[in-house]
């Protein structure tokens, strides 16, 4: 049999998080119009493959991201021609890394408080790759963004990349630049906020600058001084603490527009904190050559971008 099992005579199914741990026959009956008895017959005949291997045991289970191919046309088994899998915007892809654009409002990785049918970005990436490659892919999240923050997120595509990426982060070889629309107009065109960050003991979800916190450094540069008392900043992260840009800008007296958690006084003007992970640069884990990935700003930032942006020269 050909290694490529996709085609009009094949039904390809991808296992969603809700089906984690289901028996193969149960999964097939739920994902198609097949009865469990019919699903078992297909299994017994060697017509069901999981991640590229024929499965004949009906009690075998499936895991999230598994690819199940039924060697029968979709119309015959009562399934769509192709699974309804989200397709994240891919900004860079090779055998070692994948970078995707995270929309505001989407979690980077699963969390406890998620809607039943909600998928985090890493889950969307895994499902899209699984559908394309015909087997459960290796995907690991390298770093995270807040739910309300848009921008570039990096994923490792093989295990060997992980220690090399970790070393790049720990040695300061990774540069991340965020765009932020802030309230007020900074006195200086370039400001460095070098202040440790710790969890705020008075608020479960907030962080604050504190002497006992973890070291944190943000370099903020004014890109444009906007009308109506706002400014557009490019923020280079020297470290990667939770809420770092939001905390440091608020501590400097210029909260991100829309960021109620950190003191935005004009939050009603926008639908979210206007913070965007614009660019990430790092040595490629395979070659060591510098890789820069840029994520175009989303539509809600467009009214605040009066200039052409160049991450390398910001």
C-alpha atoms as a PDB file:
ATOM      1  CA  UNK A   1       0.000   0.000   0.000  1.00  0.00           C
ATOM      2  CA  UNK A   2       1.217   3.507  -0.774  1.00  0.00           C
ATOM      3  CA  UNK A   3       2.501   5.617   2.104  1.00  0.00           C
ATOM      4  CA  UNK A   4       0.173   8.378   0.892  1.00  0.00           C
ATOM      5  CA  UNK A   5      -3.284   7.325   1.997  1.00  0.00           C
ATOM      6  CA  UNK A   6      -5.058  10.561   1.059  1.00  0.00           C
ATOM      7  CA  UNK A   7      -7.331  10.701  -1.964  1.00  0.00           C
ATOM      8  CA  UNK A   8     -10.956  10.451  -3.079  1.00  0.00           C
ATOM      9  CA  UNK A   9     -11.177   6.784  -2.101  1.00  0.00           C
ATOM     10  CA  UNK A  10      -9.955   7.396   1.433  1.00  0.00           C
ATOM     11  CA  UNK A  11     -11.745   8.940   4.412  1.00  0.00           C
ATOM     12  CA  UNK A  12      -9.318  10.826   6.629  1.00  0.00           C
ATOM     13  CA  UNK A  13     -10.342  11.593  10.209  1.00  0.00           C
ATOM     14  CA  UNK A  14      -8.407  13.566  12.814  1.00  0.00           C
ATOM     15  CA  UNK A  15      -8.938  12.985  16.531  1.00  0.00           C
ATOM     16  CA  UNK A  16     -10.112  16.096  18.399  1.00  0.00           C
ATOM     17  CA  UNK A  17      -9.426  16.650  22.131  1.00  0.00           C
ATOM     18  CA  UNK A  18     -12.941  15.521  23.087  1.00  0.00           C
ATOM     19  CA  UNK A  19     -12.296  12.055  21.625  1.00  0.00           C
ATOM     20  CA  UNK A  20      -9.080  11.466  23.586  1.00  0.00           C
ATOM     21  CA  UNK A  21      -8.964   7.886  24.885  1.00  0.00           C
ATOM     22  CA  UNK A  22     -11.927   6.562  22.871  1.00  0.00           C
ATOM     23  CA  UNK A  23     -11.847   3.055  21.424  1.00  0.00           C
ATOM     24  CA  UNK A  24     -11.266   2.938  17.706  1.00  0.00           C
ATOM     25  CA  UNK A  25     -14.675   1.414  16.946  1.00  0.00           C
ATOM     26  CA  UNK A  26     -16.402   3.988  19.141  1.00  0.00           C
ATOM     27  CA  UNK A  27     -14.463   6.837  17.531  1.00  0.00           C
ATOM     28  CA  UNK A  28     -15.335   5.629  14.033  1.00  0.00           C
ATOM     29  CA  UNK A  29     -19.027   5.319  14.855  1.00  0.00           C
ATOM     30  CA  UNK A  30     -19.062   8.841  16.330  1.00  0.00           C
ATOM     31  CA  UNK A  31     -17.109  10.466  13.482  1.00  0.00           C
ATOM     32  CA  UNK A  32     -19.046   8.795  10.629  1.00  0.00           C
ATOM     33  CA  UNK A  33     -22.471   7.304   9.990  1.00  0.00           C
ATOM     34  CA  UNK A  34     -21.067   3.805  10.502  1.00  0.00           C
ATOM     35  CA  UNK A  35     -22.521   1.592  13.179  1.00  0.00           C
ATOM     36  CA  UNK A  36     -20.080   0.112  15.677  1.00  0.00           C
ATOM     37  CA  UNK A  37     -20.620  -3.277  14.046  1.00  0.00           C
ATOM     38  CA  UNK A  38     -19.739  -1.878  10.614  1.00  0.00           C
ATOM     39  CA  UNK A  39     -16.702  -0.127  12.091  1.00  0.00           C
ATOM     40  CA  UNK A  40     -15.545  -3.420  13.593  1.00  0.00           C
ATOM     41  CA  UNK A  41     -15.858  -5.146  10.232  1.00  0.00           C
ATOM     42  CA  UNK A  42     -13.666  -2.514   8.609  1.00  0.00           C
ATOM     43  CA  UNK A  43     -11.124  -2.937  11.385  1.00  0.00           C
ATOM     44  CA  UNK A  44     -11.137  -6.714  11.030  1.00  0.00           C
ATOM     45  CA  UNK A  45     -10.576  -6.385   7.267  1.00  0.00           C
ATOM     46  CA  UNK A  46      -7.515  -4.147   7.769  1.00  0.00           C
ATOM     47  CA  UNK A  47      -9.230  -1.123   6.231  1.00  0.00           C
ATOM     48  CA  UNK A  48      -8.591   1.259   9.151  1.00  0.00           C
ATOM     49  CA  UNK A  49      -5.182   2.827   9.640  1.00  0.00           C
ATOM     50  CA  UNK A  50      -3.999   4.947  12.564  1.00  0.00           C
ATOM     51  CA  UNK A  51      -0.985   7.197  12.030  1.00  0.00           C
ATOM     52  CA  UNK A  52       0.143   5.128   9.046  1.00  0.00           C
ATOM     53  CA  UNK A  53      -0.281   1.693  10.619  1.00  0.00           C
ATOM     54  CA  UNK A  54      -3.130  -0.731   9.964  1.00  0.00           C
ATOM     55  CA  UNK A  55      -5.279  -1.351  13.043  1.00  0.00           C
ATOM     56  CA  UNK A  56      -7.266  -4.593  13.440  1.00  0.00           C
ATOM     57  CA  UNK A  57      -7.974  -4.512  17.188  1.00  0.00           C
ATOM     58  CA  UNK A  58     -11.208  -2.655  17.872  1.00  0.00           C
ATOM     59  CA  UNK A  59     -10.355  -1.912  21.499  1.00  0.00           C
ATOM     60  CA  UNK A  60      -7.255   0.110  20.609  1.00  0.00           C
ATOM     61  CA  UNK A  61      -7.683   3.723  21.682  1.00  0.00           C
ATOM     62  CA  UNK A  62      -7.042   7.015  19.954  1.00  0.00           C
ATOM     63  CA  UNK A  63      -5.203  10.086  21.193  1.00  0.00           C
ATOM     64  CA  UNK A  64      -5.705  13.738  20.382  1.00  0.00           C
ATOM     65  CA  UNK A  65      -4.055  14.495  17.041  1.00  0.00           C
ATOM     66  CA  UNK A  66      -4.086  10.905  15.770  1.00  0.00           C
ATOM     67  CA  UNK A  67      -4.947  10.480  12.094  1.00  0.00           C
ATOM     68  CA  UNK A  68      -7.384   7.676  11.310  1.00  0.00           C
ATOM     69  CA  UNK A  69      -7.705   6.694   7.652  1.00  0.00           C
ATOM     70  CA  UNK A  70     -10.577   4.516   6.486  1.00  0.00           C
ATOM     71  CA  UNK A  71      -9.921   2.907   3.119  1.00  0.00           C
ATOM     72  CA  UNK A  72     -13.372   3.716   1.862  1.00  0.00           C
ATOM     73  CA  UNK A  73     -14.734   6.890   0.207  1.00  0.00           C
ATOM     74  CA  UNK A  74     -16.278   9.543   2.497  1.00  0.00           C
ATOM     75  CA  UNK A  75     -19.721   9.099   0.928  1.00  0.00           C
ATOM     76  CA  UNK A  76     -19.645   5.386   1.727  1.00  0.00           C
ATOM     77  CA  UNK A  77     -18.866   5.834   5.420  1.00  0.00           C
ATOM     78  CA  UNK A  78     -20.909   9.016   5.872  1.00  0.00           C
ATOM     79  CA  UNK A  79     -18.171  11.535   6.587  1.00  0.00           C
ATOM     80  CA  UNK A  80     -17.214  14.936   5.123  1.00  0.00           C
ATOM     81  CA  UNK A  81     -14.617  14.876   2.314  1.00  0.00           C
ATOM     82  CA  UNK A  82     -12.217  16.568   4.735  1.00  0.00           C
ATOM     83  CA  UNK A  83     -12.360  17.165   8.509  1.00  0.00           C
ATOM     84  CA  UNK A  84     -13.293  20.665   9.646  1.00  0.00           C
ATOM     85  CA  UNK A  85      -9.891  21.533  11.117  1.00  0.00           C
ATOM     86  CA  UNK A  86      -8.832  25.143  11.877  1.00  0.00           C
ATOM     87  CA  UNK A  87      -6.024  26.414   9.674  1.00  0.00           C
ATOM     88  CA  UNK A  88      -3.757  28.804  11.603  1.00  0.00           C
ATOM     89  CA  UNK A  89      -1.786  31.383   9.642  1.00  0.00           C
ATOM     90  CA  UNK A  90       1.729  29.965   9.284  1.00  0.00           C
ATOM     91  CA  UNK A  91       4.467  32.615   9.199  1.00  0.00           C
ATOM     92  CA  UNK A  92       7.460  30.267   8.935  1.00  0.00           C
ATOM     93  CA  UNK A  93       7.867  26.536   8.580  1.00  0.00           C
ATOM     94  CA  UNK A  94      10.748  24.104   8.199  1.00  0.00           C
ATOM     95  CA  UNK A  95      11.680  20.703   9.588  1.00  0.00           C
ATOM     96  CA  UNK A  96      12.712  22.190  12.941  1.00  0.00           C
ATOM     97  CA  UNK A  97      10.423  25.137  13.591  1.00  0.00           C
ATOM     98  CA  UNK A  98       6.981  26.460  12.853  1.00  0.00           C
ATOM     99  CA  UNK A  99       5.812  29.989  13.609  1.00  0.00           C
ATOM    100  CA  UNK A 100       2.103  30.812  13.600  1.00  0.00           C
ATOM    101  CA  UNK A 101       0.078  33.993  14.018  1.00  0.00           C
ATOM    102  CA  UNK A 102      -2.029  33.950  17.178  1.00  0.00           C
ATOM    103  CA  UNK A 103      -5.197  36.045  16.982  1.00  0.00           C
ATOM    104  CA  UNK A 104      -6.248  38.010  20.058  1.00  0.00           C
ATOM    105  CA  UNK A 105      -8.712  36.016  22.135  1.00  0.00           C
ATOM    106  CA  UNK A 106      -7.115  32.629  21.375  1.00  0.00           C
ATOM    107  CA  UNK A 107      -5.144  30.798  24.053  1.00  0.00           C
ATOM    108  CA  UNK A 108      -1.609  29.730  23.192  1.00  0.00           C
ATOM    109  CA  UNK A 109      -2.057  26.423  25.042  1.00  0.00           C
ATOM    110  CA  UNK A 110      -5.027  24.721  26.739  1.00  0.00           C
ATOM    111  CA  UNK A 111      -6.160  26.012  30.124  1.00  0.00           C
ATOM    112  CA  UNK A 112      -8.778  25.002  32.666  1.00  0.00           C
ATOM    113  CA  UNK A 113     -11.238  27.730  31.714  1.00  0.00           C
ATOM    114  CA  UNK A 114     -12.000  26.867  28.091  1.00  0.00           C
ATOM    115  CA  UNK A 115     -15.274  26.475  26.237  1.00  0.00           C
ATOM    116  CA  UNK A 116     -16.084  22.831  25.351  1.00  0.00           C
ATOM    117  CA  UNK A 117     -15.437  23.382  21.636  1.00  0.00           C
ATOM    118  CA  UNK A 118     -12.565  25.871  22.043  1.00  0.00           C
ATOM    119  CA  UNK A 119      -9.141  25.030  20.659  1.00  0.00           C
ATOM    120  CA  UNK A 120      -5.900  26.666  21.747  1.00  0.00           C
ATOM    121  CA  UNK A 121      -3.396  27.703  19.072  1.00  0.00           C
ATOM    122  CA  UNK A 122      -1.089  24.743  19.728  1.00  0.00           C
ATOM    123  CA  UNK A 123      -4.049  22.382  19.297  1.00  0.00           C
ATOM    124  CA  UNK A 124      -5.018  24.076  16.043  1.00  0.00           C
ATOM    125  CA  UNK A 125      -1.455  23.765  14.750  1.00  0.00           C
ATOM    126  CA  UNK A 126      -1.265  20.091  15.697  1.00  0.00           C
ATOM    127  CA  UNK A 127      -4.576  19.234  14.013  1.00  0.00           C
ATOM    128  CA  UNK A 128      -3.714  21.110  10.816  1.00  0.00           C
ATOM    129  CA  UNK A 129      -0.334  19.376  10.561  1.00  0.00           C
ATOM    130  CA  UNK A 130      -1.865  15.983  11.345  1.00  0.00           C
ATOM    131  CA  UNK A 131      -4.422  16.388   8.580  1.00  0.00           C
ATOM    132  CA  UNK A 132      -1.721  17.355   6.112  1.00  0.00           C
ATOM    133  CA  UNK A 133       0.952  14.832   7.108  1.00  0.00           C
ATOM    134  CA  UNK A 134      -1.270  11.830   7.776  1.00  0.00           C
ATOM    135  CA  UNK A 135       0.008  11.067  11.258  1.00  0.00           C
ATOM    136  CA  UNK A 136       0.217  12.696  14.664  1.00  0.00           C
ATOM    137  CA  UNK A 137       3.044  15.249  14.379  1.00  0.00           C
ATOM    138  CA  UNK A 138       5.609  16.334  16.946  1.00  0.00           C
ATOM    139  CA  UNK A 139       4.694  19.878  18.032  1.00  0.00           C
ATOM    140  CA  UNK A 140       5.861  21.623  21.202  1.00  0.00           C
ATOM    141  CA  UNK A 141       5.098  25.200  22.231  1.00  0.00           C
ATOM    142  CA  UNK A 142       8.302  27.180  22.765  1.00  0.00           C
ATOM    143  CA  UNK A 143       6.791  30.281  24.412  1.00  0.00           C
ATOM    144  CA  UNK A 144       3.368  31.739  25.143  1.00  0.00           C
ATOM    145  CA  UNK A 145       1.371  34.905  24.658  1.00  0.00           C
ATOM    146  CA  UNK A 146      -1.486  36.157  26.819  1.00  0.00           C
ATOM    147  CA  UNK A 147      -4.962  35.358  25.505  1.00  0.00           C
ATOM    148  CA  UNK A 148      -5.602  39.010  24.617  1.00  0.00           C
ATOM    149  CA  UNK A 149      -2.229  39.515  22.913  1.00  0.00           C
ATOM    150  CA  UNK A 150      -1.897  38.846  19.189  1.00  0.00           C
ATOM    151  CA  UNK A 151       1.264  37.938  17.337  1.00  0.00           C
ATOM    152  CA  UNK A 152       3.902  35.380  16.499  1.00  0.00           C
ATOM    153  CA  UNK A 153       4.225  32.131  18.490  1.00  0.00           C
ATOM    154  CA  UNK A 154       7.029  29.640  17.910  1.00  0.00           C
ATOM    155  CA  UNK A 155       6.696  25.834  17.948  1.00  0.00           C
ATOM    156  CA  UNK A 156       9.374  23.123  17.831  1.00  0.00           C
ATOM    157  CA  UNK A 157       8.830  20.420  15.202  1.00  0.00           C
ATOM    158  CA  UNK A 158      11.343  17.919  16.567  1.00  0.00           C
ATOM    159  CA  UNK A 159      12.673  16.998  19.995  1.00  0.00           C
ATOM    160  CA  UNK A 160      16.270  17.904  19.131  1.00  0.00           C
ATOM    161  CA  UNK A 161      15.246  21.533  18.735  1.00  0.00           C
ATOM    162  CA  UNK A 162      14.062  21.926  22.331  1.00  0.00           C
ATOM    163  CA  UNK A 163      17.413  22.039  24.225  1.00  0.00           C
ATOM    164  CA  UNK A 164      18.895  24.332  21.571  1.00  0.00           C
ATOM    165  CA  UNK A 165      15.954  26.709  21.803  1.00  0.00           C
ATOM    166  CA  UNK A 166      16.122  26.646  25.591  1.00  0.00           C
ATOM    167  CA  UNK A 167      19.809  27.543  25.419  1.00  0.00           C
ATOM    168  CA  UNK A 168      19.083  30.419  23.040  1.00  0.00           C
ATOM    169  CA  UNK A 169      16.503  31.808  25.485  1.00  0.00           C
ATOM    170  CA  UNK A 170      18.745  31.399  28.548  1.00  0.00           C
ATOM    171  CA  UNK A 171      21.726  33.088  26.881  1.00  0.00           C
ATOM    172  CA  UNK A 172      19.717  36.075  25.691  1.00  0.00           C
ATOM    173  CA  UNK A 173      20.072  35.159  22.007  1.00  0.00           C
ATOM    174  CA  UNK A 174      16.356  35.612  21.336  1.00  0.00           C
ATOM    175  CA  UNK A 175      14.998  39.076  20.559  1.00  0.00           C
ATOM    176  CA  UNK A 176      11.278  39.729  20.683  1.00  0.00           C
ATOM    177  CA  UNK A 177       9.680  43.012  19.667  1.00  0.00           C
ATOM    178  CA  UNK A 178       6.129  43.943  20.616  1.00  0.00           C
ATOM    179  CA  UNK A 179       3.996  46.774  19.310  1.00  0.00           C
ATOM    180  CA  UNK A 180       2.007  48.592  21.971  1.00  0.00           C
ATOM    181  CA  UNK A 181      -0.453  51.469  21.777  1.00  0.00           C
ATOM    182  CA  UNK A 182      -0.143  53.275  25.106  1.00  0.00           C
ATOM    183  CA  UNK A 183      -1.848  56.119  26.881  1.00  0.00           C
ATOM    184  CA  UNK A 184       0.153  59.324  27.108  1.00  0.00           C
ATOM    185  CA  UNK A 185       3.360  60.469  25.437  1.00  0.00           C
ATOM    186  CA  UNK A 186       6.692  59.306  26.929  1.00  0.00           C
ATOM    187  CA  UNK A 187       9.134  62.133  27.649  1.00  0.00           C
ATOM    188  CA  UNK A 188      12.039  60.282  26.013  1.00  0.00           C
ATOM    189  CA  UNK A 189      12.023  58.621  22.613  1.00  0.00           C
ATOM    190  CA  UNK A 190      13.769  55.586  24.110  1.00  0.00           C
ATOM    191  CA  UNK A 191      13.254  54.309  27.638  1.00  0.00           C
ATOM    192  CA  UNK A 192      14.662  51.243  29.401  1.00  0.00           C
ATOM    193  CA  UNK A 193      12.613  49.766  32.231  1.00  0.00           C
ATOM    194  CA  UNK A 194      14.850  47.470  34.272  1.00  0.00           C
ATOM    195  CA  UNK A 195      12.662  46.352  37.152  1.00  0.00           C
ATOM    196  CA  UNK A 196      12.065  42.899  38.671  1.00  0.00           C
ATOM    197  CA  UNK A 197       8.555  41.471  38.336  1.00  0.00           C
ATOM    198  CA  UNK A 198       6.671  39.427  40.928  1.00  0.00           C
ATOM    199  CA  UNK A 199       3.119  38.224  41.389  1.00  0.00           C
ATOM    200  CA  UNK A 200       0.839  40.821  42.962  1.00  0.00           C
ATOM    201  CA  UNK A 201      -0.199  39.440  46.346  1.00  0.00           C
ATOM    202  CA  UNK A 202      -3.411  41.472  46.253  1.00  0.00           C
ATOM    203  CA  UNK A 203      -4.667  40.122  42.911  1.00  0.00           C
ATOM    204  CA  UNK A 204      -4.781  36.549  41.641  1.00  0.00           C
ATOM    205  CA  UNK A 205      -4.095  37.409  37.972  1.00  0.00           C
ATOM    206  CA  UNK A 206      -1.872  40.464  38.185  1.00  0.00           C
ATOM    207  CA  UNK A 207       1.878  41.025  38.409  1.00  0.00           C
ATOM    208  CA  UNK A 208       3.829  44.031  39.645  1.00  0.00           C
ATOM    209  CA  UNK A 209       7.330  45.445  39.867  1.00  0.00           C
ATOM    210  CA  UNK A 210       8.958  44.422  43.153  1.00  0.00           C
ATOM    211  CA  UNK A 211      12.512  44.213  44.460  1.00  0.00           C
ATOM    212  CA  UNK A 212      12.063  40.536  45.362  1.00  0.00           C
ATOM    213  CA  UNK A 213      10.806  39.624  41.876  1.00  0.00           C
ATOM    214  CA  UNK A 214      12.556  38.014  38.942  1.00  0.00           C
ATOM    215  CA  UNK A 215      14.835  40.255  36.851  1.00  0.00           C
ATOM    216  CA  UNK A 216      13.043  41.854  33.901  1.00  0.00           C
ATOM    217  CA  UNK A 217      14.151  44.332  31.265  1.00  0.00           C
ATOM    218  CA  UNK A 218      12.141  46.082  28.540  1.00  0.00           C
ATOM    219  CA  UNK A 219      13.431  48.669  26.093  1.00  0.00           C
ATOM    220  CA  UNK A 220      10.607  50.868  24.770  1.00  0.00           C
ATOM    221  CA  UNK A 221      11.044  53.111  21.731  1.00  0.00           C
ATOM    222  CA  UNK A 222       8.490  55.623  20.469  1.00  0.00           C
ATOM    223  CA  UNK A 223       7.541  54.877  16.875  1.00  0.00           C
ATOM    224  CA  UNK A 224       4.884  57.571  16.625  1.00  0.00           C
ATOM    225  CA  UNK A 225       3.225  60.107  18.881  1.00  0.00           C
ATOM    226  CA  UNK A 226      -0.419  59.835  17.932  1.00  0.00           C
ATOM    227  CA  UNK A 227      -3.375  62.162  18.225  1.00  0.00           C
ATOM    228  CA  UNK A 228      -5.671  62.141  21.259  1.00  0.00           C
ATOM    229  CA  UNK A 229      -2.920  61.518  23.783  1.00  0.00           C
ATOM    230  CA  UNK A 230      -1.725  58.115  22.572  1.00  0.00           C
ATOM    231  CA  UNK A 231       1.645  56.744  21.440  1.00  0.00           C
ATOM    232  CA  UNK A 232       2.809  53.752  19.428  1.00  0.00           C
ATOM    233  CA  UNK A 233       5.806  51.976  20.942  1.00  0.00           C
ATOM    234  CA  UNK A 234       8.134  49.163  19.902  1.00  0.00           C
ATOM    235  CA  UNK A 235       9.151  47.172  22.976  1.00  0.00           C
ATOM    236  CA  UNK A 236      12.198  44.906  22.951  1.00  0.00           C
ATOM    237  CA  UNK A 237      12.138  42.233  25.617  1.00  0.00           C
ATOM    238  CA  UNK A 238      15.429  41.533  27.352  1.00  0.00           C
ATOM    239  CA  UNK A 239      13.663  38.871  29.417  1.00  0.00           C
ATOM    240  CA  UNK A 240      10.383  36.981  29.144  1.00  0.00           C
ATOM    241  CA  UNK A 241       8.341  37.375  32.303  1.00  0.00           C
ATOM    242  CA  UNK A 242       4.586  36.941  32.464  1.00  0.00           C
ATOM    243  CA  UNK A 243       2.801  40.202  31.491  1.00  0.00           C
ATOM    244  CA  UNK A 244       6.240  41.861  31.258  1.00  0.00           C
ATOM    245  CA  UNK A 245       5.447  44.551  28.675  1.00  0.00           C
ATOM    246  CA  UNK A 246       2.112  45.347  30.295  1.00  0.00           C
ATOM    247  CA  UNK A 247       3.638  45.622  33.787  1.00  0.00           C
ATOM    248  CA  UNK A 248       6.653  47.683  32.736  1.00  0.00           C
ATOM    249  CA  UNK A 249       4.690  50.145  30.607  1.00  0.00           C
ATOM    250  CA  UNK A 250       2.121  50.630  33.373  1.00  0.00           C
ATOM    251  CA  UNK A 251       4.910  51.193  35.906  1.00  0.00           C
ATOM    252  CA  UNK A 252       6.330  53.875  33.598  1.00  0.00           C
ATOM    253  CA  UNK A 253       2.972  55.667  33.626  1.00  0.00           C
ATOM    254  CA  UNK A 254       1.910  54.583  30.132  1.00  0.00           C
ATOM    255  CA  UNK A 255      -0.474  51.611  30.361  1.00  0.00           C
ATOM    256  CA  UNK A 256      -1.381  49.734  27.199  1.00  0.00           C
ATOM    257  CA  UNK A 257      -4.609  51.138  25.779  1.00  0.00           C
ATOM    258  CA  UNK A 258      -7.420  48.776  26.734  1.00  0.00           C
ATOM    259  CA  UNK A 259      -5.526  47.034  29.545  1.00  0.00           C
ATOM    260  CA  UNK A 260      -7.941  47.301  32.458  1.00  0.00           C
ATOM    261  CA  UNK A 261      -5.849  44.937  34.586  1.00  0.00           C
ATOM    262  CA  UNK A 262      -2.940  47.385  34.551  1.00  0.00           C
ATOM    263  CA  UNK A 263      -4.709  50.705  34.801  1.00  0.00           C
ATOM    264  CA  UNK A 264      -5.889  51.753  31.357  1.00  0.00           C
ATOM    265  CA  UNK A 265      -8.194  54.724  31.886  1.00  0.00           C
ATOM    266  CA  UNK A 266      -9.574  54.523  28.341  1.00  0.00           C
ATOM    267  CA  UNK A 267     -10.238  50.819  28.075  1.00  0.00           C
ATOM    268  CA  UNK A 268     -13.740  51.348  26.685  1.00  0.00           C
ATOM    269  CA  UNK A 269     -12.269  52.737  23.462  1.00  0.00           C
ATOM    270  CA  UNK A 270     -10.977  49.354  22.257  1.00  0.00           C
ATOM    271  CA  UNK A 271     -11.913  45.699  22.479  1.00  0.00           C
ATOM    272  CA  UNK A 272      -8.688  44.446  24.070  1.00  0.00           C
ATOM    273  CA  UNK A 273      -5.262  45.613  25.251  1.00  0.00           C
ATOM    274  CA  UNK A 274      -3.575  46.776  22.038  1.00  0.00           C
ATOM    275  CA  UNK A 275      -0.423  44.672  22.343  1.00  0.00           C
ATOM    276  CA  UNK A 276       1.011  42.657  19.456  1.00  0.00           C
ATOM    277  CA  UNK A 277       4.007  40.291  19.350  1.00  0.00           C
ATOM    278  CA  UNK A 278       5.397  41.704  16.141  1.00  0.00           C
ATOM    279  CA  UNK A 279       8.759  40.035  15.616  1.00  0.00           C
ATOM    280  CA  UNK A 280      10.977  37.272  16.963  1.00  0.00           C
ATOM    281  CA  UNK A 281      14.644  36.749  16.034  1.00  0.00           C
ATOM    282  CA  UNK A 282      16.803  33.820  17.133  1.00  0.00           C
ATOM    283  CA  UNK A 283      19.571  31.498  15.972  1.00  0.00           C
ATOM    284  CA  UNK A 284      18.039  28.627  14.029  1.00  0.00           C
ATOM    285  CA  UNK A 285      18.404  25.423  16.089  1.00  0.00           C
ATOM    286  CA  UNK A 286      19.806  23.503  13.107  1.00  0.00           C
ATOM    287  CA  UNK A 287      22.115  25.970  11.341  1.00  0.00           C
ATOM    288  CA  UNK A 288      22.712  28.654  13.958  1.00  0.00           C
ATOM    289  CA  UNK A 289      21.912  31.300  11.347  1.00  0.00           C
ATOM    290  CA  UNK A 290      19.737  34.200  12.435  1.00  0.00           C
ATOM    291  CA  UNK A 291      16.039  33.663  11.765  1.00  0.00           C
ATOM    292  CA  UNK A 292      13.576  36.541  11.995  1.00  0.00           C
ATOM    293  CA  UNK A 293       9.829  35.989  11.826  1.00  0.00           C
ATOM    294  CA  UNK A 294       7.476  38.961  11.526  1.00  0.00           C
ATOM    295  CA  UNK A 295       3.735  38.837  12.204  1.00  0.00           C
ATOM    296  CA  UNK A 296       1.754  41.580  10.426  1.00  0.00           C
ATOM    297  CA  UNK A 297      -0.363  43.649  12.849  1.00  0.00           C
ATOM    298  CA  UNK A 298      -4.055  42.723  12.985  1.00  0.00           C
ATOM    299  CA  UNK A 299      -6.884  44.959  11.819  1.00  0.00           C
ATOM    300  CA  UNK A 300      -7.599  46.457  15.241  1.00  0.00           C
ATOM    301  CA  UNK A 301      -4.093  47.986  15.282  1.00  0.00           C
ATOM    302  CA  UNK A 302      -4.345  49.442  11.777  1.00  0.00           C
ATOM    303  CA  UNK A 303      -5.818  52.828  12.853  1.00  0.00           C
ATOM    304  CA  UNK A 304      -2.783  53.389  15.099  1.00  0.00           C
ATOM    305  CA  UNK A 305      -0.087  52.640  12.498  1.00  0.00           C
ATOM    306  CA  UNK A 306       0.688  55.904  10.693  1.00  0.00           C
ATOM    307  CA  UNK A 307       4.103  54.741   9.505  1.00  0.00           C
ATOM    308  CA  UNK A 308       5.628  51.839   7.581  1.00  0.00           C
ATOM    309  CA  UNK A 309       7.098  49.426  10.101  1.00  0.00           C
ATOM    310  CA  UNK A 310      10.461  47.687   9.824  1.00  0.00           C
ATOM    311  CA  UNK A 311      11.213  45.390  12.790  1.00  0.00           C
ATOM    312  CA  UNK A 312      14.952  45.219  12.161  1.00  0.00           C
ATOM    313  CA  UNK A 313      15.248  48.982  12.320  1.00  0.00           C
ATOM    314  CA  UNK A 314      12.638  49.826  14.948  1.00  0.00           C
END
